[in-house]
Protein backbone atom coordinates (compact mmCIF):
# COMPACT_ATOMS: atom_id res chain seq x y z
CA MET A 1 83.30 79.42 187.22
CA PHE A 2 83.92 79.14 183.47
CA LYS A 3 87.35 80.77 183.24
CA ARG A 4 88.76 78.27 180.71
CA ILE A 5 86.29 77.18 178.05
CA LEU A 6 87.04 74.53 175.46
CA LEU A 7 85.21 75.15 172.18
CA ALA A 8 85.32 72.11 169.89
CA VAL A 9 84.77 73.08 166.25
CA ASP A 10 84.61 71.26 162.94
CA GLY A 11 83.70 73.97 160.44
CA SER A 12 79.96 73.21 160.48
CA GLU A 13 77.01 75.49 161.22
CA HIS A 14 76.77 73.66 164.55
CA SER A 15 80.27 74.95 165.37
CA ILE A 16 79.30 78.53 164.63
CA ARG A 17 76.22 78.28 166.87
CA SER A 18 78.28 76.70 169.66
CA ALA A 19 80.91 79.45 169.28
CA LYS A 20 78.24 82.05 170.03
CA TYR A 21 77.38 80.26 173.29
CA ALA A 22 81.05 79.92 174.23
CA ILE A 23 81.52 83.66 173.64
CA GLU A 24 78.54 84.45 175.88
CA LEU A 25 79.97 82.27 178.65
CA ALA A 26 83.43 83.79 178.32
CA GLU A 27 82.02 87.32 178.43
CA LYS A 28 79.84 86.55 181.44
CA PHE A 29 82.62 84.88 183.44
CA ASN A 30 85.59 86.86 182.08
CA GLY A 31 87.02 83.65 180.64
CA VAL A 32 89.31 82.54 177.85
CA ILE A 33 88.42 80.17 175.04
CA ASN A 34 90.56 77.28 173.82
CA VAL A 35 89.33 76.47 170.31
CA VAL A 36 90.08 72.88 169.30
CA TYR A 37 89.77 71.46 165.81
CA VAL A 38 90.43 67.72 165.63
CA VAL A 39 91.70 66.19 162.40
CA ASP A 40 90.76 62.52 162.15
CA GLY A 41 93.51 60.26 160.79
CA ASN A 42 91.44 59.15 157.78
CA LYS A 43 90.42 62.74 157.03
CA ALA A 44 94.04 63.86 157.30
CA LYS A 45 95.10 61.32 154.65
CA SER A 46 92.30 62.46 152.35
CA ASP A 47 93.19 66.12 152.89
CA VAL A 48 96.84 65.47 152.05
CA LEU A 49 95.89 63.65 148.85
CA HIS A 50 93.63 66.49 147.71
CA ALA A 51 95.93 69.36 148.66
CA THR A 52 98.50 70.60 146.18
CA ASP A 53 101.01 71.45 148.91
CA LYS A 54 101.26 71.97 152.66
CA PHE A 55 100.09 75.59 152.32
CA ALA A 56 96.91 74.48 150.54
CA LEU A 57 96.32 71.93 153.30
CA GLU A 58 96.77 74.60 155.97
CA LYS A 59 94.41 76.92 154.06
CA MET A 60 91.73 74.20 153.89
CA ARG A 61 91.91 73.73 157.67
CA ASN A 62 91.97 77.47 158.34
CA ASP A 63 88.90 77.91 156.14
CA LYS A 64 87.00 75.58 158.49
CA LEU A 65 87.96 77.84 161.40
CA LYS A 66 87.36 81.14 159.59
CA ALA A 67 83.78 81.82 160.76
CA VAL A 68 84.62 81.04 164.39
CA LYS A 69 87.75 83.23 164.23
CA GLU A 70 85.69 86.09 162.83
CA LEU A 71 83.22 85.81 165.71
CA LEU A 72 86.01 85.73 168.29
CA ASN A 73 87.86 88.65 166.69
CA LYS A 74 84.78 90.84 167.16
CA THR A 75 85.16 90.43 170.94
CA ASP A 76 87.81 91.23 173.52
CA ILE A 77 87.99 87.58 174.58
CA GLN A 78 91.40 85.93 174.67
CA TYR A 79 91.48 82.74 172.64
CA GLU A 80 93.89 80.15 171.38
CA ILE A 81 93.38 77.74 168.49
CA LYS A 82 94.80 74.21 168.57
CA ILE A 83 94.66 71.70 165.73
CA LEU A 84 94.84 68.22 167.19
CA HIS A 85 95.04 64.82 165.49
CA GLY A 86 93.07 61.70 166.39
CA GLU A 87 89.52 60.48 166.85
CA ALA A 88 87.40 63.51 167.75
CA GLY A 89 85.63 62.27 170.91
CA PRO A 90 88.60 60.82 172.82
CA THR A 91 90.92 63.62 171.66
CA ILE A 92 88.57 66.33 172.95
CA VAL A 93 88.09 64.45 176.24
CA ASN A 94 91.83 64.01 176.67
CA TYR A 95 92.52 67.68 175.97
CA ALA A 96 89.79 68.87 178.36
CA ASN A 97 90.81 66.54 181.18
CA ASN A 98 94.52 67.37 180.88
CA ASN A 99 94.31 71.16 180.50
CA GLU A 100 92.28 72.37 183.48
CA ILE A 101 89.23 73.19 181.35
CA ASP A 102 86.20 74.48 183.30
CA GLY A 103 83.60 73.76 180.61
CA VAL A 104 83.28 72.30 177.12
CA VAL A 105 81.03 73.75 174.42
CA LEU A 106 80.36 71.79 171.24
CA GLY A 107 77.69 71.38 168.62
CA SER A 108 75.46 68.40 168.10
CA ARG A 109 75.84 67.02 164.59
CA GLY A 110 72.44 65.37 164.66
CA VAL A 111 73.37 61.80 163.73
CA ASN A 112 70.41 59.42 163.55
CA ASN A 113 69.59 56.80 166.21
CA LEU A 114 71.24 53.93 164.30
CA GLN A 115 74.48 55.90 163.79
CA THR A 116 74.50 56.86 167.47
CA PHE A 117 73.88 53.26 168.53
CA ILE A 118 76.62 51.81 166.34
CA LEU A 119 79.26 54.57 166.46
CA GLY A 120 78.26 56.87 169.27
CA SER A 121 78.22 60.59 168.65
CA VAL A 122 81.16 62.84 169.47
CA SER A 123 79.00 64.95 171.77
CA HIS A 124 77.80 61.84 173.62
CA LYS A 125 81.36 60.54 174.05
CA VAL A 126 82.55 63.91 175.33
CA ALA A 127 79.62 64.41 177.72
CA LYS A 128 80.06 60.93 179.14
CA ARG A 129 83.83 61.04 179.72
CA VAL A 130 84.92 64.63 180.32
CA GLU A 131 85.44 65.74 183.92
CA CYS A 132 83.80 69.18 183.63
CA PRO A 133 80.40 70.55 182.57
CA VAL A 134 79.48 70.17 178.90
CA LEU A 135 77.16 72.37 176.84
CA ILE A 136 75.89 70.64 173.70
CA VAL A 137 74.37 73.15 171.28
CA LYS A 138 71.72 71.83 168.88
């Protein structure tokens, strides 16, 4: 049922909590996890300006994935990490819909009602547009 699980992470506590749920699903259904970290274009420019070189930039991004990697390494679950570029919601949807994903797990960032109304949350965009089940972890 959930053989290919997409875990969307951003380095937050929400990501770590959602990783635990993705691991449980993968263990229960003998699945694999595709970990996706999306770098927004504006964030990428800021990261490049603040990094001393490309290795420092890569280290900054890997640091955001460190806690999730540690959780996954404690298991026997196969996983793959992809760093994608673009707006988080549409990029996650596109990846899920084009890679035979059976379920998406992501954290809820807890934006307020006004922010959700004006911008829409990533989790809302993903849940609305992805073609498979979505688990949003609060």
